[in-house]
Amino acid sequence: MIDNPRLLPVWELLGSTRQEYAQARPWKATRMSRAAYETHILDMPHEQLAEFRLVNQAERLVREIFQVAG
């Protein structure tokens, strides 16, 4: 577990690459500014961030599987 999540960039906390994070623009879906969104993410409990990372990894694996199969 990460001792101090504020030492990492937000995209790493969410399990994304910088490029994926920039393209997805998750702060737009929340209608927040990027700074407000990132502050909110940094204030989340470790368990919630771990859940986001798992979901992100699963989505990435599904994309890779269907990209190879297709």
N, C-alpha and C. Protein backbone atom coordinates (compact mmCIF):
# COMPACT_ATOMS: atom_id res chain seq x y z
N MET A 1 0.85 -1.19 0.00
CA MET A 1 0.00 0.00 0.00
C MET A 1 0.88 1.24 0.00
N ILE A 2 0.40 2.25 -0.59
CA ILE A 2 1.14 3.51 -0.69
C ILE A 2 1.03 4.25 0.63
N ASP A 3 2.18 4.62 1.20
CA ASP A 3 2.16 5.33 2.48
C ASP A 3 1.59 6.73 2.35
N ASN A 4 2.05 7.46 1.36
CA ASN A 4 1.59 8.84 1.17
C ASN A 4 1.19 9.03 -0.29
N PRO A 5 -0.11 8.90 -0.61
CA PRO A 5 -0.52 8.99 -2.01
C PRO A 5 -0.24 10.34 -2.65
N ARG A 6 -0.04 11.38 -1.86
CA ARG A 6 0.22 12.69 -2.43
C ARG A 6 1.59 12.78 -3.10
N LEU A 7 2.43 11.78 -2.89
CA LEU A 7 3.75 11.76 -3.51
C LEU A 7 3.70 11.26 -4.95
N LEU A 8 2.58 10.65 -5.35
CA LEU A 8 2.43 10.12 -6.70
C LEU A 8 1.48 10.97 -7.52
N PRO A 9 1.67 10.99 -8.83
CA PRO A 9 0.70 11.69 -9.68
C PRO A 9 -0.66 10.98 -9.62
N VAL A 10 -1.71 11.72 -9.86
CA VAL A 10 -3.07 11.17 -9.75
C VAL A 10 -3.27 9.99 -10.70
N TRP A 11 -2.74 10.07 -11.92
CA TRP A 11 -2.95 8.98 -12.87
C TRP A 11 -2.33 7.68 -12.37
N GLU A 12 -1.23 7.74 -11.65
CA GLU A 12 -0.65 6.53 -11.08
C GLU A 12 -1.51 5.98 -9.95
N LEU A 13 -2.09 6.85 -9.17
CA LEU A 13 -2.98 6.41 -8.10
C LEU A 13 -4.20 5.69 -8.66
N LEU A 14 -4.65 6.10 -9.83
CA LEU A 14 -5.82 5.50 -10.45
C LEU A 14 -5.46 4.30 -11.33
N GLY A 15 -4.18 4.03 -11.49
CA GLY A 15 -3.75 2.88 -12.29
C GLY A 15 -3.71 3.15 -13.77
N SER A 16 -3.56 4.39 -14.16
CA SER A 16 -3.50 4.77 -15.57
C SER A 16 -2.11 5.26 -15.92
N THR A 17 -1.88 5.36 -17.22
CA THR A 17 -0.69 6.05 -17.68
C THR A 17 -1.05 7.53 -17.80
N ARG A 18 -0.06 8.36 -17.92
CA ARG A 18 -0.32 9.79 -18.06
C ARG A 18 -1.13 10.07 -19.32
N GLN A 19 -0.79 9.37 -20.38
CA GLN A 19 -1.49 9.56 -21.66
C GLN A 19 -2.95 9.12 -21.56
N GLU A 20 -3.22 7.96 -20.95
CA GLU A 20 -4.59 7.50 -20.78
C GLU A 20 -5.41 8.49 -19.95
N TYR A 21 -4.81 8.99 -18.89
CA TYR A 21 -5.48 9.94 -18.01
C TYR A 21 -5.81 11.23 -18.76
N ALA A 22 -4.85 11.72 -19.53
CA ALA A 22 -5.07 12.97 -20.27
C ALA A 22 -6.14 12.79 -21.35
N GLN A 23 -6.15 11.64 -22.00
CA GLN A 23 -7.16 11.40 -23.04
C GLN A 23 -8.54 11.17 -22.46
N ALA A 24 -8.61 10.50 -21.32
CA ALA A 24 -9.91 10.19 -20.71
C ALA A 24 -10.57 11.43 -20.11
N ARG A 25 -9.76 12.36 -19.62
CA ARG A 25 -10.26 13.57 -18.97
C ARG A 25 -11.38 13.28 -17.97
N PRO A 26 -11.08 12.46 -16.94
CA PRO A 26 -12.14 12.07 -16.01
C PRO A 26 -12.76 13.23 -15.24
N TRP A 27 -12.06 14.32 -15.11
CA TRP A 27 -12.60 15.48 -14.39
C TRP A 27 -13.76 16.11 -15.16
N LYS A 28 -13.81 15.93 -16.48
CA LYS A 28 -14.90 16.49 -17.29
C LYS A 28 -16.23 15.81 -16.96
N ALA A 29 -16.19 14.50 -16.71
CA ALA A 29 -17.41 13.76 -16.39
C ALA A 29 -18.00 14.20 -15.06
N THR A 30 -17.16 14.71 -14.18
CA THR A 30 -17.62 15.15 -12.87
C THR A 30 -17.98 16.64 -12.86
N ARG A 31 -17.73 17.30 -13.97
CA ARG A 31 -17.97 18.75 -14.10
C ARG A 31 -17.18 19.55 -13.08
N MET A 32 -15.98 19.07 -12.79
CA MET A 32 -15.07 19.76 -11.88
C MET A 32 -13.88 20.27 -12.69
N SER A 33 -13.18 21.21 -12.13
CA SER A 33 -11.92 21.59 -12.74
C SER A 33 -10.94 20.45 -12.49
N ARG A 34 -9.90 20.40 -13.29
CA ARG A 34 -8.90 19.35 -13.11
C ARG A 34 -8.29 19.42 -11.71
N ALA A 35 -7.97 20.62 -11.25
CA ALA A 35 -7.36 20.79 -9.93
C ALA A 35 -8.30 20.30 -8.82
N ALA A 36 -9.58 20.63 -8.92
CA ALA A 36 -10.55 20.20 -7.90
C ALA A 36 -10.71 18.68 -7.92
N TYR A 37 -10.77 18.10 -9.11
CA TYR A 37 -10.89 16.66 -9.25
C TYR A 37 -9.69 15.95 -8.63
N GLU A 38 -8.49 16.43 -8.93
CA GLU A 38 -7.28 15.80 -8.42
C GLU A 38 -7.18 15.95 -6.90
N THR A 39 -7.62 17.07 -6.36
CA THR A 39 -7.64 17.24 -4.91
C THR A 39 -8.60 16.24 -4.28
N HIS A 40 -9.75 16.06 -4.90
CA HIS A 40 -10.74 15.10 -4.42
C HIS A 40 -10.17 13.68 -4.43
N ILE A 41 -9.49 13.30 -5.50
CA ILE A 41 -8.89 11.97 -5.60
C ILE A 41 -7.84 11.78 -4.50
N LEU A 42 -7.01 12.79 -4.28
CA LEU A 42 -5.96 12.67 -3.28
C LEU A 42 -6.52 12.55 -1.86
N ASP A 43 -7.75 13.03 -1.65
CA ASP A 43 -8.37 12.94 -0.32
C ASP A 43 -9.11 11.62 -0.09
N MET A 44 -9.19 10.77 -1.12
CA MET A 44 -9.92 9.50 -1.00
C MET A 44 -9.15 8.50 -0.15
N PRO A 45 -9.88 7.58 0.49
CA PRO A 45 -9.22 6.53 1.27
C PRO A 45 -8.42 5.59 0.37
N HIS A 46 -7.39 4.97 0.92
CA HIS A 46 -6.55 4.04 0.17
C HIS A 46 -7.37 2.91 -0.46
N GLU A 47 -8.36 2.43 0.25
CA GLU A 47 -9.16 1.31 -0.25
C GLU A 47 -9.91 1.68 -1.52
N GLN A 48 -10.42 2.89 -1.58
CA GLN A 48 -11.14 3.33 -2.78
C GLN A 48 -10.18 3.47 -3.96
N LEU A 49 -8.99 3.98 -3.71
CA LEU A 49 -8.00 4.10 -4.77
C LEU A 49 -7.58 2.72 -5.28
N ALA A 50 -7.46 1.76 -4.38
CA ALA A 50 -7.12 0.40 -4.78
C ALA A 50 -8.22 -0.19 -5.67
N GLU A 51 -9.46 0.09 -5.34
CA GLU A 51 -10.59 -0.37 -6.16
C GLU A 51 -10.53 0.25 -7.56
N PHE A 52 -10.25 1.54 -7.64
CA PHE A 52 -10.12 2.20 -8.94
C PHE A 52 -9.01 1.56 -9.78
N ARG A 53 -7.88 1.24 -9.12
CA ARG A 53 -6.77 0.61 -9.83
C ARG A 53 -7.17 -0.76 -10.38
N LEU A 54 -7.89 -1.54 -9.59
CA LEU A 54 -8.34 -2.86 -10.04
C LEU A 54 -9.28 -2.76 -11.24
N VAL A 55 -10.21 -1.84 -11.18
CA VAL A 55 -11.14 -1.65 -12.29
C VAL A 55 -10.38 -1.20 -13.54
N ASN A 56 -9.43 -0.30 -13.37
CA ASN A 56 -8.64 0.18 -14.50
C ASN A 56 -7.84 -0.95 -15.12
N GLN A 57 -7.22 -1.80 -14.30
CA GLN A 57 -6.46 -2.94 -14.81
C GLN A 57 -7.37 -3.91 -15.56
N ALA A 58 -8.55 -4.16 -15.03
CA ALA A 58 -9.49 -5.07 -15.69
C ALA A 58 -9.92 -4.51 -17.04
N GLU A 59 -10.22 -3.23 -17.09
CA GLU A 59 -10.62 -2.62 -18.36
C GLU A 59 -9.49 -2.67 -19.38
N ARG A 60 -8.27 -2.45 -18.93
CA ARG A 60 -7.11 -2.51 -19.83
C ARG A 60 -6.93 -3.92 -20.38
N LEU A 61 -7.09 -4.94 -19.52
CA LEU A 61 -6.96 -6.32 -19.97
C LEU A 61 -8.04 -6.69 -20.99
N VAL A 62 -9.26 -6.26 -20.75
CA VAL A 62 -10.35 -6.53 -21.69
C VAL A 62 -10.05 -5.88 -23.04
N ARG A 63 -9.58 -4.63 -23.03
CA ARG A 63 -9.23 -3.97 -24.30
C ARG A 63 -8.14 -4.74 -25.04
N GLU A 64 -7.12 -5.19 -24.31
CA GLU A 64 -6.02 -5.91 -24.93
C GLU A 64 -6.48 -7.25 -25.48
N ILE A 65 -7.32 -7.96 -24.76
CA ILE A 65 -7.82 -9.28 -25.22
C ILE A 65 -8.61 -9.10 -26.51
N PHE A 66 -9.53 -8.17 -26.54
CA PHE A 66 -10.36 -8.01 -27.72
C PHE A 66 -9.63 -7.34 -28.88
N GLN A 67 -8.59 -6.61 -28.60
CA GLN A 67 -7.77 -6.02 -29.65
C GLN A 67 -7.00 -7.14 -30.37
N VAL A 68 -6.46 -8.09 -29.61
CA VAL A 68 -5.71 -9.20 -30.20
C VAL A 68 -6.67 -10.15 -30.93
N ALA A 69 -7.83 -10.42 -30.33
CA ALA A 69 -8.79 -11.35 -30.92
C ALA A 69 -9.45 -10.77 -32.16
N GLY A 70 -9.60 -9.44 -32.19
CA GLY A 70 -10.31 -8.79 -33.30
C GLY A 70 -9.40 -8.53 -34.40
